[in-house]
Amino acid sequence: MKDYSEALRCYQTAEFMCPVRVAPLEGMLNVYLAMNNTTKVDSIRTIIQNKDIKVPSSTIVEIKRNRRRPIQSELPFLAHNIIFYRIITPV
């Protein structure tokens, strides 16, 4: 089951909790790609490209490099192969 709204809510919460991290933005971008929402994809992609990096790492470099590709090549692949991570909070 693809619960895009729940995935977005979790990624937005993660982004709010730790705004310097790029991973939540990458997750939101993947969800918007799966939803074919190109407006939001372009918006998140711009935020990722303009984000100041506090601690450089190979992961961050790879995320920024991958986000420069045109959307058309990404949509068919990601729409069927996206993985959502659910944030589990203690009760």
Protein backbone atom coordinates (compact mmCIF):
# COMPACT_ATOMS: atom_id res chain seq x y z
CA MET A 1 0.00 0.00 0.00
CA LYS A 2 1.36 3.41 -0.97
CA ASP A 3 0.46 5.95 1.69
CA TYR A 4 2.04 9.07 0.23
CA SER A 5 0.47 11.47 2.72
CA GLU A 6 1.82 9.46 5.69
CA ALA A 7 5.27 9.26 4.11
CA LEU A 8 5.30 13.01 3.46
CA ARG A 9 4.16 13.72 7.01
CA CYS A 10 7.01 11.60 8.40
CA TYR A 11 9.62 13.23 6.17
CA GLN A 12 8.32 16.72 7.01
CA THR A 13 8.50 15.90 10.72
CA ALA A 14 12.07 14.66 10.28
CA GLU A 15 12.96 17.84 8.35
CA PHE A 16 11.45 19.97 11.13
CA MET A 17 13.33 18.05 13.85
CA CYS A 18 16.70 18.30 12.10
CA PRO A 19 16.67 20.98 9.38
CA VAL A 20 20.37 20.61 8.51
CA ARG A 21 19.90 17.03 7.28
CA VAL A 22 19.42 16.36 3.57
CA ALA A 23 17.95 12.86 3.94
CA PRO A 24 14.38 14.00 4.78
CA LEU A 25 14.39 16.25 1.71
CA GLU A 26 15.61 13.35 -0.40
CA GLY A 27 12.73 11.26 0.97
CA MET A 28 10.18 13.98 0.18
CA LEU A 29 11.61 14.32 -3.31
CA ASN A 30 11.21 10.57 -3.89
CA VAL A 31 7.60 10.67 -2.71
CA TYR A 32 6.78 13.59 -5.00
CA LEU A 33 8.48 11.73 -7.87
CA ALA A 34 6.28 8.71 -7.21
CA MET A 35 3.24 11.01 -7.19
CA ASN A 36 4.38 12.61 -10.50
CA ASN A 37 4.22 16.04 -8.83
CA THR A 38 6.86 17.79 -10.93
CA THR A 39 6.26 21.20 -9.36
CA LYS A 40 7.14 19.94 -5.89
CA VAL A 41 10.01 17.86 -7.30
CA ASP A 42 11.58 20.98 -8.81
CA SER A 43 11.05 22.91 -5.58
CA ILE A 44 12.65 20.24 -3.35
CA ARG A 45 15.45 19.72 -5.88
CA THR A 46 16.28 23.45 -5.70
CA ILE A 47 16.26 23.37 -1.89
CA ILE A 48 18.65 20.40 -1.90
CA GLN A 49 21.01 22.06 -4.37
CA ASN A 50 21.08 25.33 -2.38
CA LYS A 51 21.37 23.74 1.07
CA ASP A 52 24.52 24.63 2.99
CA ILE A 53 26.36 21.49 4.05
CA LYS A 54 27.77 21.55 7.58
CA VAL A 55 29.63 18.23 7.42
CA PRO A 56 30.64 17.15 3.91
CA SER A 57 30.26 13.45 3.18
CA SER A 58 30.18 11.16 0.19
CA THR A 59 26.47 10.58 0.78
CA ILE A 60 25.67 14.29 0.53
CA VAL A 61 27.82 14.68 -2.57
CA GLU A 62 26.02 11.72 -4.18
CA ILE A 63 22.55 13.07 -3.29
CA LYS A 64 23.39 16.47 -4.77
CA ARG A 65 24.89 14.90 -7.89
CA ASN A 66 21.89 12.61 -8.44
CA ARG A 67 19.42 15.46 -8.05
CA ARG A 68 20.78 17.24 -11.11
CA ARG A 69 19.37 14.62 -13.49
CA PRO A 70 16.26 15.50 -15.49
CA ILE A 71 12.99 14.31 -13.99
CA GLN A 72 11.84 12.45 -17.11
CA SER A 73 14.53 9.80 -16.67
CA GLU A 74 13.63 9.31 -12.99
CA LEU A 75 9.85 9.02 -13.03
CA PRO A 76 9.36 5.58 -14.62
CA PHE A 77 11.93 3.94 -12.34
CA LEU A 78 10.97 5.55 -9.04
CA ALA A 79 7.22 5.35 -9.51
CA HIS A 80 7.43 1.56 -9.23
CA ASN A 81 10.43 1.05 -6.98
CA ILE A 82 10.12 3.64 -4.22
CA ILE A 83 10.66 2.59 -0.63
CA PHE A 84 9.06 4.55 2.17
CA TYR A 85 10.52 4.65 5.63
CA ARG A 86 8.03 4.96 8.43
CA ILE A 87 9.12 6.72 11.57
CA ILE A 88 8.10 4.61 14.54
CA THR A 89 7.58 6.55 17.72
CA PRO A 90 7.38 4.95 21.16
CA VAL A 91 4.00 4.86 22.82
